[in-house]
Amino acid sequence: KTLASGQISPALRLPMGWVYGAVPVA
């Protein structure tokens, strides 16, 4: 859902889905 929404971080401009990817990886 986060990747589909296109949400990105303000400073690094990373897709927030990558950040939240820690949950399913863990």
mmCIF file of all heavy atoms, coordinates in Angstrom:
data_MODEL
# 
_entry.id   MODEL 
# 
loop_
_atom_site.group_PDB 
_atom_site.id 
_atom_site.type_symbol 
_atom_site.label_atom_id 
_atom_site.label_alt_id 
_atom_site.label_comp_id 
_atom_site.label_asym_id 
_atom_site.label_entity_id 
_atom_site.label_seq_id 
_atom_site.pdbx_PDB_ins_code 
_atom_site.Cartn_x 
_atom_site.Cartn_y 
_atom_site.Cartn_z 
_atom_site.occupancy 
_atom_site.B_iso_or_equiv 
_atom_site.pdbx_formal_charge 
_atom_site.auth_seq_id 
_atom_site.auth_comp_id 
_atom_site.auth_asym_id 
_atom_site.auth_atom_id 
_atom_site.pdbx_PDB_model_num 
ATOM 1   N N   . LYS A 1 1  ? 0.827  -1.208  0.000  1.00 0.00 ? 1  LYS A N   1 
ATOM 2   C CA  . LYS A 1 1  ? 0.000  0.000   0.000  1.00 0.00 ? 1  LYS A CA  1 
ATOM 3   C C   . LYS A 1 1  ? 0.862  1.259   0.000  1.00 0.00 ? 1  LYS A C   1 
ATOM 4   O O   . LYS A 1 1  ? 0.532  2.246   -0.671 1.00 0.00 ? 1  LYS A O   1 
ATOM 5   C CB  . LYS A 1 1  ? -0.944 0.005   1.198  1.00 0.00 ? 1  LYS A CB  1 
ATOM 6   C CG  . LYS A 1 1  ? -2.079 -0.979  1.052  1.00 0.00 ? 1  LYS A CG  1 
ATOM 7   C CD  . LYS A 1 1  ? -2.988 -0.989  2.257  1.00 0.00 ? 1  LYS A CD  1 
ATOM 8   C CE  . LYS A 1 1  ? -4.081 -2.036  2.066  1.00 0.00 ? 1  LYS A CE  1 
ATOM 9   N NZ  . LYS A 1 1  ? -4.957 -2.133  3.218  1.00 0.00 ? 1  LYS A NZ  1 
ATOM 10  N N   . THR A 1 2  ? 1.960  1.217   0.736  1.00 0.00 ? 2  THR A N   1 
ATOM 11  C CA  . THR A 1 2  ? 2.834  2.386   0.805  1.00 0.00 ? 2  THR A CA  1 
ATOM 12  C C   . THR A 1 2  ? 3.540  2.607   -0.528 1.00 0.00 ? 2  THR A C   1 
ATOM 13  O O   . THR A 1 2  ? 3.661  3.752   -0.990 1.00 0.00 ? 2  THR A O   1 
ATOM 14  C CB  . THR A 1 2  ? 3.871  2.221   1.936  1.00 0.00 ? 2  THR A CB  1 
ATOM 15  O OG1 . THR A 1 2  ? 3.184  1.937   3.145  1.00 0.00 ? 2  THR A OG1 1 
ATOM 16  C CG2 . THR A 1 2  ? 4.687  3.468   2.122  1.00 0.00 ? 2  THR A CG2 1 
ATOM 17  N N   . LEU A 1 3  ? 3.996  1.530   -1.153 1.00 0.00 ? 3  LEU A N   1 
ATOM 18  C CA  . LEU A 1 3  ? 4.632  1.666   -2.465 1.00 0.00 ? 3  LEU A CA  1 
ATOM 19  C C   . LEU A 1 3  ? 3.625  2.150   -3.516 1.00 0.00 ? 3  LEU A C   1 
ATOM 20  O O   . LEU A 1 3  ? 3.947  2.981   -4.362 1.00 0.00 ? 3  LEU A O   1 
ATOM 21  C CB  . LEU A 1 3  ? 5.266  0.347   -2.899 1.00 0.00 ? 3  LEU A CB  1 
ATOM 22  C CG  . LEU A 1 3  ? 6.536  -0.066  -2.159 1.00 0.00 ? 3  LEU A CG  1 
ATOM 23  C CD1 . LEU A 1 3  ? 6.968  -1.471  -2.574 1.00 0.00 ? 3  LEU A CD1 1 
ATOM 24  C CD2 . LEU A 1 3  ? 7.666  0.937   -2.393 1.00 0.00 ? 3  LEU A CD2 1 
ATOM 25  N N   . ALA A 1 4  ? 2.390  1.633   -3.442 1.00 0.00 ? 4  ALA A N   1 
ATOM 26  C CA  . ALA A 1 4  ? 1.353  2.039   -4.395 1.00 0.00 ? 4  ALA A CA  1 
ATOM 27  C C   . ALA A 1 4  ? 0.984  3.513   -4.237 1.00 0.00 ? 4  ALA A C   1 
ATOM 28  O O   . ALA A 1 4  ? 0.658  4.189   -5.208 1.00 0.00 ? 4  ALA A O   1 
ATOM 29  C CB  . ALA A 1 4  ? 0.112  1.169   -4.228 1.00 0.00 ? 4  ALA A CB  1 
ATOM 30  N N   . SER A 1 5  ? 1.055  4.012   -2.996 1.00 0.00 ? 5  SER A N   1 
ATOM 31  C CA  . SER A 1 5  ? 0.707  5.420   -2.765 1.00 0.00 ? 5  SER A CA  1 
ATOM 32  C C   . SER A 1 5  ? 1.807  6.365   -3.219 1.00 0.00 ? 5  SER A C   1 
ATOM 33  O O   . SER A 1 5  ? 1.581  7.562   -3.357 1.00 0.00 ? 5  SER A O   1 
ATOM 34  C CB  . SER A 1 5  ? 0.416  5.660   -1.280 1.00 0.00 ? 5  SER A CB  1 
ATOM 35  O OG  . SER A 1 5  ? 1.627  5.657   -0.534 1.00 0.00 ? 5  SER A OG  1 
ATOM 36  N N   . GLY A 1 6  ? 3.008  5.823   -3.425 1.00 0.00 ? 6  GLY A N   1 
ATOM 37  C CA  . GLY A 1 6  ? 4.116  6.658   -3.868 1.00 0.00 ? 6  GLY A CA  1 
ATOM 38  C C   . GLY A 1 6  ? 4.747  7.496   -2.765 1.00 0.00 ? 6  GLY A C   1 
ATOM 39  O O   . GLY A 1 6  ? 5.482  8.433   -3.044 1.00 0.00 ? 6  GLY A O   1 
ATOM 40  N N   . GLN A 1 7  ? 4.468  7.151   -1.514 1.00 0.00 ? 7  GLN A N   1 
ATOM 41  C CA  . GLN A 1 7  ? 5.011  7.915   -0.392 1.00 0.00 ? 7  GLN A CA  1 
ATOM 42  C C   . GLN A 1 7  ? 6.530  7.792   -0.360 1.00 0.00 ? 7  GLN A C   1 
ATOM 43  O O   . GLN A 1 7  ? 7.075  6.693   -0.437 1.00 0.00 ? 7  GLN A O   1 
ATOM 44  C CB  . GLN A 1 7  ? 4.414  7.410   0.920  1.00 0.00 ? 7  GLN A CB  1 
ATOM 45  C CG  . GLN A 1 7  ? 4.877  8.170   2.130  1.00 0.00 ? 7  GLN A CG  1 
ATOM 46  C CD  . GLN A 1 7  ? 4.305  7.595   3.423  1.00 0.00 ? 7  GLN A CD  1 
ATOM 47  O OE1 . GLN A 1 7  ? 3.596  6.596   3.409  1.00 0.00 ? 7  GLN A OE1 1 
ATOM 48  N NE2 . GLN A 1 7  ? 4.617  8.232   4.524  1.00 0.00 ? 7  GLN A NE2 1 
ATOM 49  N N   . ILE A 1 8  ? 7.209  8.939   -0.251 1.00 0.00 ? 8  ILE A N   1 
ATOM 50  C CA  . ILE A 1 8  ? 8.669  8.945   -0.172 1.00 0.00 ? 8  ILE A CA  1 
ATOM 51  C C   . ILE A 1 8  ? 9.119  9.719   1.059  1.00 0.00 ? 8  ILE A C   1 
ATOM 52  O O   . ILE A 1 8  ? 8.378  10.557  1.582  1.00 0.00 ? 8  ILE A O   1 
ATOM 53  C CB  . ILE A 1 8  ? 9.316  9.545   -1.445 1.00 0.00 ? 8  ILE A CB  1 
ATOM 54  C CG1 . ILE A 1 8  ? 8.818  10.965  -1.698 1.00 0.00 ? 8  ILE A CG1 1 
ATOM 55  C CG2 . ILE A 1 8  ? 9.082  8.666   -2.644 1.00 0.00 ? 8  ILE A CG2 1 
ATOM 56  C CD1 . ILE A 1 8  ? 9.543  11.687  -2.816 1.00 0.00 ? 8  ILE A CD1 1 
ATOM 57  N N   . SER A 1 9  ? 10.322 9.432   1.501  1.00 0.00 ? 9  SER A N   1 
ATOM 58  C CA  . SER A 1 9  ? 10.852 10.122  2.677  1.00 0.00 ? 9  SER A CA  1 
ATOM 59  C C   . SER A 1 9  ? 11.290 11.542  2.281  1.00 0.00 ? 9  SER A C   1 
ATOM 60  O O   . SER A 1 9  ? 11.732 11.759  1.164  1.00 0.00 ? 9  SER A O   1 
ATOM 61  C CB  . SER A 1 9  ? 12.019 9.340   3.276  1.00 0.00 ? 9  SER A CB  1 
ATOM 62  O OG  . SER A 1 9  ? 13.117 9.329   2.395  1.00 0.00 ? 9  SER A OG  1 
ATOM 63  N N   . PRO A 1 10 ? 11.177 12.477  3.209  1.00 0.00 ? 10 PRO A N   1 
ATOM 64  C CA  . PRO A 1 10 ? 11.462 13.875  2.865  1.00 0.00 ? 10 PRO A CA  1 
ATOM 65  C C   . PRO A 1 10 ? 12.915 14.168  2.488  1.00 0.00 ? 10 PRO A C   1 
ATOM 66  O O   . PRO A 1 10 ? 13.163 14.846  1.506  1.00 0.00 ? 10 PRO A O   1 
ATOM 67  C CB  . PRO A 1 10 ? 11.082 14.657  4.120  1.00 0.00 ? 10 PRO A CB  1 
ATOM 68  C CG  . PRO A 1 10 ? 10.416 13.716  5.039  1.00 0.00 ? 10 PRO A CG  1 
ATOM 69  C CD  . PRO A 1 10 ? 10.645 12.340  4.545  1.00 0.00 ? 10 PRO A CD  1 
ATOM 70  N N   . ALA A 1 11 ? 13.874 13.662  3.244  1.00 0.00 ? 11 ALA A N   1 
ATOM 71  C CA  . ALA A 1 11 ? 15.268 14.033  3.004  1.00 0.00 ? 11 ALA A CA  1 
ATOM 72  C C   . ALA A 1 11 ? 15.963 13.116  1.997  1.00 0.00 ? 11 ALA A C   1 
ATOM 73  O O   . ALA A 1 11 ? 16.620 13.591  1.069  1.00 0.00 ? 11 ALA A O   1 
ATOM 74  C CB  . ALA A 1 11 ? 16.043 14.041  4.317  1.00 0.00 ? 11 ALA A CB  1 
ATOM 75  N N   . LEU A 1 12 ? 15.811 11.817  2.168  1.00 0.00 ? 12 LEU A N   1 
ATOM 76  C CA  . LEU A 1 12 ? 16.511 10.868  1.303  1.00 0.00 ? 12 LEU A CA  1 
ATOM 77  C C   . LEU A 1 12 ? 15.766 10.561  0.011  1.00 0.00 ? 12 LEU A C   1 
ATOM 78  O O   . LEU A 1 12 ? 16.342 9.987   -0.912 1.00 0.00 ? 12 LEU A O   1 
ATOM 79  C CB  . LEU A 1 12 ? 16.768 9.559   2.062  1.00 0.00 ? 12 LEU A CB  1 
ATOM 80  C CG  . LEU A 1 12 ? 17.722 9.645   3.240  1.00 0.00 ? 12 LEU A CG  1 
ATOM 81  C CD1 . LEU A 1 12 ? 17.733 8.338   4.017  1.00 0.00 ? 12 LEU A CD1 1 
ATOM 82  C CD2 . LEU A 1 12 ? 19.124 9.974   2.753  1.00 0.00 ? 12 LEU A CD2 1 
ATOM 83  N N   . ARG A 1 13 ? 14.480 10.889  -0.024 1.00 0.00 ? 13 ARG A N   1 
ATOM 84  C CA  . ARG A 1 13 ? 13.623 10.630  -1.187 1.00 0.00 ? 13 ARG A CA  1 
ATOM 85  C C   . ARG A 1 13 ? 13.525 9.134   -1.499 1.00 0.00 ? 13 ARG A C   1 
ATOM 86  O O   . ARG A 1 13 ? 13.410 8.726   -2.652 1.00 0.00 ? 13 ARG A O   1 
ATOM 87  C CB  . ARG A 1 13 ? 14.107 11.400  -2.423 1.00 0.00 ? 13 ARG A CB  1 
ATOM 88  C CG  . ARG A 1 13 ? 14.436 12.869  -2.208 1.00 0.00 ? 13 ARG A CG  1 
ATOM 89  C CD  . ARG A 1 13 ? 13.301 13.742  -1.811 1.00 0.00 ? 13 ARG A CD  1 
ATOM 90  N NE  . ARG A 1 13 ? 12.299 13.845  -2.855 1.00 0.00 ? 13 ARG A NE  1 
ATOM 91  C CZ  . ARG A 1 13 ? 11.069 14.299  -2.656 1.00 0.00 ? 13 ARG A CZ  1 
ATOM 92  N NH1 . ARG A 1 13 ? 10.692 14.674  -1.471 1.00 0.00 ? 13 ARG A NH1 1 
ATOM 93  N NH2 . ARG A 1 13 ? 10.211 14.363  -3.633 1.00 0.00 ? 13 ARG A NH2 1 
ATOM 94  N N   . LEU A 1 14 ? 13.573 8.313   -0.442 1.00 0.00 ? 14 LEU A N   1 
ATOM 95  C CA  . LEU A 1 14 ? 13.414 6.866   -0.585 1.00 0.00 ? 14 LEU A CA  1 
ATOM 96  C C   . LEU A 1 14 ? 11.942 6.499   -0.529 1.00 0.00 ? 14 LEU A C   1 
ATOM 97  O O   . LEU A 1 14 ? 11.191 7.092   0.243  1.00 0.00 ? 14 LEU A O   1 
ATOM 98  C CB  . LEU A 1 14 ? 14.111 6.134   0.561  1.00 0.00 ? 14 LEU A CB  1 
ATOM 99  C CG  . LEU A 1 14 ? 15.621 6.097   0.589  1.00 0.00 ? 14 LEU A CG  1 
ATOM 100 C CD1 . LEU A 1 14 ? 16.093 5.454   1.894  1.00 0.00 ? 14 LEU A CD1 1 
ATOM 101 C CD2 . LEU A 1 14 ? 16.155 5.306   -0.587 1.00 0.00 ? 14 LEU A CD2 1 
ATOM 102 N N   . PRO A 1 15 ? 11.518 5.508   -1.315 1.00 0.00 ? 15 PRO A N   1 
ATOM 103 C CA  . PRO A 1 15 ? 10.150 5.018   -1.155 1.00 0.00 ? 15 PRO A CA  1 
ATOM 104 C C   . PRO A 1 15 ? 9.979  4.451   0.251  1.00 0.00 ? 15 PRO A C   1 
ATOM 105 O O   . PRO A 1 15 ? 10.773 3.625   0.694  1.00 0.00 ? 15 PRO A O   1 
ATOM 106 C CB  . PRO A 1 15 ? 10.032 3.917   -2.206 1.00 0.00 ? 15 PRO A CB  1 
ATOM 107 C CG  . PRO A 1 15 ? 11.120 4.191   -3.194 1.00 0.00 ? 15 PRO A CG  1 
ATOM 108 C CD  . PRO A 1 15 ? 12.222 4.850   -2.417 1.00 0.00 ? 15 PRO A CD  1 
ATOM 109 N N   . MET A 1 16 ? 8.960  4.882   0.967  1.00 0.00 ? 16 MET A N   1 
ATOM 110 C CA  . MET A 1 16 ? 8.762  4.451   2.348  1.00 0.00 ? 16 MET A CA  1 
ATOM 111 C C   . MET A 1 16 ? 8.446  2.952   2.447  1.00 0.00 ? 16 MET A C   1 
ATOM 112 O O   . MET A 1 16 ? 8.651  2.349   3.488  1.00 0.00 ? 16 MET A O   1 
ATOM 113 C CB  . MET A 1 16 ? 7.655  5.273   3.008  1.00 0.00 ? 16 MET A CB  1 
ATOM 114 C CG  . MET A 1 16 ? 8.076  6.703   3.309  1.00 0.00 ? 16 MET A CG  1 
ATOM 115 S SD  . MET A 1 16 ? 9.524  6.825   4.378  1.00 0.00 ? 16 MET A SD  1 
ATOM 116 C CE  . MET A 1 16 ? 8.889  6.189   5.910  1.00 0.00 ? 16 MET A CE  1 
ATOM 117 N N   . GLY A 1 17 ? 7.988  2.360   1.367  1.00 0.00 ? 17 GLY A N   1 
ATOM 118 C CA  . GLY A 1 17 ? 7.761  0.920   1.359  1.00 0.00 ? 17 GLY A CA  1 
ATOM 119 C C   . GLY A 1 17 ? 9.048  0.154   1.637  1.00 0.00 ? 17 GLY A C   1 
ATOM 120 O O   . GLY A 1 17 ? 9.029  -0.901  2.271  1.00 0.00 ? 17 GLY A O   1 
ATOM 121 N N   . TRP A 1 18 ? 10.184 0.670   1.174  1.00 0.00 ? 18 TRP A N   1 
ATOM 122 C CA  . TRP A 1 18 ? 11.469 0.015   1.449  1.00 0.00 ? 18 TRP A CA  1 
ATOM 123 C C   . TRP A 1 18 ? 11.778 0.068   2.943  1.00 0.00 ? 18 TRP A C   1 
ATOM 124 O O   . TRP A 1 18 ? 12.309 -0.875  3.499  1.00 0.00 ? 18 TRP A O   1 
ATOM 125 C CB  . TRP A 1 18 ? 12.592 0.694   0.692  1.00 0.00 ? 18 TRP A CB  1 
ATOM 126 C CG  . TRP A 1 18 ? 12.541 0.535   -0.799 1.00 0.00 ? 18 TRP A CG  1 
ATOM 127 C CD1 . TRP A 1 18 ? 11.573 -0.069  -1.545 1.00 0.00 ? 18 TRP A CD1 1 
ATOM 128 C CD2 . TRP A 1 18 ? 13.509 1.018   -1.715 1.00 0.00 ? 18 TRP A CD2 1 
ATOM 129 N NE1 . TRP A 1 18 ? 11.874 0.022   -2.873 1.00 0.00 ? 18 TRP A NE1 1 
ATOM 130 C CE2 . TRP A 1 18 ? 13.067 0.685   -3.011 1.00 0.00 ? 18 TRP A CE2 1 
ATOM 131 C CE3 . TRP A 1 18 ? 14.697 1.715   -1.585 1.00 0.00 ? 18 TRP A CE3 1 
ATOM 132 C CZ2 . TRP A 1 18 ? 13.780 1.008   -4.143 1.00 0.00 ? 18 TRP A CZ2 1 
ATOM 133 C CZ3 . TRP A 1 18 ? 15.409 2.035   -2.721 1.00 0.00 ? 18 TRP A CZ3 1 
ATOM 134 C CH2 . TRP A 1 18 ? 14.952 1.681   -3.995 1.00 0.00 ? 18 TRP A CH2 1 
ATOM 135 N N   . VAL A 1 19 ? 11.459 1.178   3.546  1.00 0.00 ? 19 VAL A N   1 
ATOM 136 C CA  . VAL A 1 19 ? 11.697 1.328   4.984  1.00 0.00 ? 19 VAL A CA  1 
ATOM 137 C C   . VAL A 1 19 ? 10.816 0.347   5.746  1.00 0.00 ? 19 VAL A C   1 
ATOM 138 O O   . VAL A 1 19 ? 11.279 -0.374  6.637  1.00 0.00 ? 19 VAL A O   1 
ATOM 139 C CB  . VAL A 1 19 ? 11.429 2.776   5.440  1.00 0.00 ? 19 VAL A CB  1 
ATOM 140 C CG1 . VAL A 1 19 ? 11.598 2.918   6.938  1.00 0.00 ? 19 VAL A CG1 1 
ATOM 141 C CG2 . VAL A 1 19 ? 12.347 3.749   4.694  1.00 0.00 ? 19 VAL A CG2 1 
ATOM 142 N N   . TYR A 1 20 ? 9.531  0.288   5.404  1.00 0.00 ? 20 TYR A N   1 
ATOM 143 C CA  . TYR A 1 20 ? 8.600  -0.615  6.071  1.00 0.00 ? 20 TYR A CA  1 
ATOM 144 C C   . TYR A 1 20 ? 8.852  -2.081  5.723  1.00 0.00 ? 20 TYR A C   1 
ATOM 145 O O   . TYR A 1 20 ? 8.305  -2.978  6.360  1.00 0.00 ? 20 TYR A O   1 
ATOM 146 C CB  . TYR A 1 20 ? 7.162  -0.245  5.740  1.00 0.00 ? 20 TYR A CB  1 
ATOM 147 C CG  . TYR A 1 20 ? 6.778  1.152   6.165  1.00 0.00 ? 20 TYR A CG  1 
ATOM 148 C CD1 . TYR A 1 20 ? 5.911  1.915   5.397  1.00 0.00 ? 20 TYR A CD1 1 
ATOM 149 C CD2 . TYR A 1 20 ? 7.286  1.716   7.324  1.00 0.00 ? 20 TYR A CD2 1 
ATOM 150 C CE1 . TYR A 1 20 ? 5.547  3.204   5.788  1.00 0.00 ? 20 TYR A CE1 1 
ATOM 151 C CE2 . TYR A 1 20 ? 6.943  2.997   7.718  1.00 0.00 ? 20 TYR A CE2 1 
ATOM 152 C CZ  . TYR A 1 20 ? 6.070  3.738   6.942  1.00 0.00 ? 20 TYR A CZ  1 
ATOM 153 O OH  . TYR A 1 20 ? 5.730  5.009   7.329  1.00 0.00 ? 20 TYR A OH  1 
ATOM 154 N N   . GLY A 1 21 ? 9.679  -2.326  4.725  1.00 0.00 ? 21 GLY A N   1 
ATOM 155 C CA  . GLY A 1 21 ? 10.027 -3.690  4.339  1.00 0.00 ? 21 GLY A CA  1 
ATOM 156 C C   . GLY A 1 21 ? 10.715 -4.461  5.454  1.00 0.00 ? 21 GLY A C   1 
ATOM 157 O O   . GLY A 1 21 ? 10.790 -5.691  5.415  1.00 0.00 ? 21 GLY A O   1 
ATOM 158 N N   . ALA A 1 22 ? 11.200 -3.752  6.464  1.00 0.00 ? 22 ALA A N   1 
ATOM 159 C CA  . ALA A 1 22 ? 11.838 -4.416  7.608  1.00 0.00 ? 22 ALA A CA  1 
ATOM 160 C C   . ALA A 1 22 ? 10.862 -5.349  8.326  1.00 0.00 ? 22 ALA A C   1 
ATOM 161 O O   . ALA A 1 22 ? 11.281 -6.371  8.872  1.00 0.00 ? 22 ALA A O   1 
ATOM 162 C CB  . ALA A 1 22 ? 12.377 -3.368  8.583  1.00 0.00 ? 22 ALA A CB  1 
ATOM 163 N N   . VAL A 1 23 ? 9.590  -5.015  8.315  1.00 0.00 ? 23 VAL A N   1 
ATOM 164 C CA  . VAL A 1 23 ? 8.602  -5.827  9.042  1.00 0.00 ? 23 VAL A CA  1 
ATOM 165 C C   . VAL A 1 23 ? 8.459  -7.220  8.412  1.00 0.00 ? 23 VAL A C   1 
ATOM 166 O O   . VAL A 1 23 ? 8.632  -8.229  9.112  1.00 0.00 ? 23 VAL A O   1 
ATOM 167 C CB  . VAL A 1 23 ? 7.246  -5.096  9.159  1.00 0.00 ? 23 VAL A CB  1 
ATOM 168 C CG1 . VAL A 1 23 ? 6.213  -5.973  9.843  1.00 0.00 ? 23 VAL A CG1 1 
ATOM 169 C CG2 . VAL A 1 23 ? 7.407  -3.773  9.896  1.00 0.00 ? 23 VAL A CG2 1 
ATOM 170 N N   . PRO A 1 24 ? 8.140  -7.342  7.109  1.00 0.00 ? 24 PRO A N   1 
ATOM 171 C CA  . PRO A 1 24 ? 8.030  -8.698  6.558  1.00 0.00 ? 24 PRO A CA  1 
ATOM 172 C C   . PRO A 1 24 ? 9.368  -9.439  6.492  1.00 0.00 ? 24 PRO A C   1 
ATOM 173 O O   . PRO A 1 24 ? 9.395  -10.668 6.632  1.00 0.00 ? 24 PRO A O   1 
ATOM 174 C CB  . PRO A 1 24 ? 7.439  -8.488  5.157  1.00 0.00 ? 24 PRO A CB  1 
ATOM 175 C CG  . PRO A 1 24 ? 7.620  -7.061  4.843  1.00 0.00 ? 24 PRO A CG  1 
ATOM 176 C CD  . PRO A 1 24 ? 7.710  -6.323  6.133  1.00 0.00 ? 24 PRO A CD  1 
ATOM 177 N N   . VAL A 1 25 ? 10.466 -8.719  6.322  1.00 0.00 ? 25 VAL A N   1 
ATOM 178 C CA  . VAL A 1 25 ? 11.775 -9.384  6.306  1.00 0.00 ? 25 VAL A CA  1 
ATOM 179 C C   . VAL A 1 25 ? 12.050 -10.007 7.676  1.00 0.00 ? 25 VAL A C   1 
ATOM 180 O O   . VAL A 1 25 ? 12.447 -11.170 7.782  1.00 0.00 ? 25 VAL A O   1 
ATOM 181 C CB  . VAL A 1 25 ? 12.896 -8.399  5.899  1.00 0.00 ? 25 VAL A CB  1 
ATOM 182 C CG1 . VAL A 1 25 ? 14.272 -8.977  6.179  1.00 0.00 ? 25 VAL A CG1 1 
ATOM 183 C CG2 . VAL A 1 25 ? 12.770 -8.028  4.428  1.00 0.00 ? 25 VAL A CG2 1 
ATOM 184 N N   . ALA A 1 26 ? 11.834 -9.242  8.739  1.00 0.00 ? 26 ALA A N   1 
ATOM 185 C CA  . ALA A 1 26 ? 12.032 -9.771  10.095 1.00 0.00 ? 26 ALA A CA  1 
ATOM 186 C C   . ALA A 1 26 ? 11.063 -10.923 10.363 1.00 0.00 ? 26 ALA A C   1 
ATOM 187 O O   . ALA A 1 26 ? 11.436 -11.921 10.995 1.00 0.00 ? 26 ALA A O   1 
ATOM 188 C CB  . ALA A 1 26 ? 11.851 -8.665  11.134 1.00 0.00 ? 26 ALA A CB  1 
# 
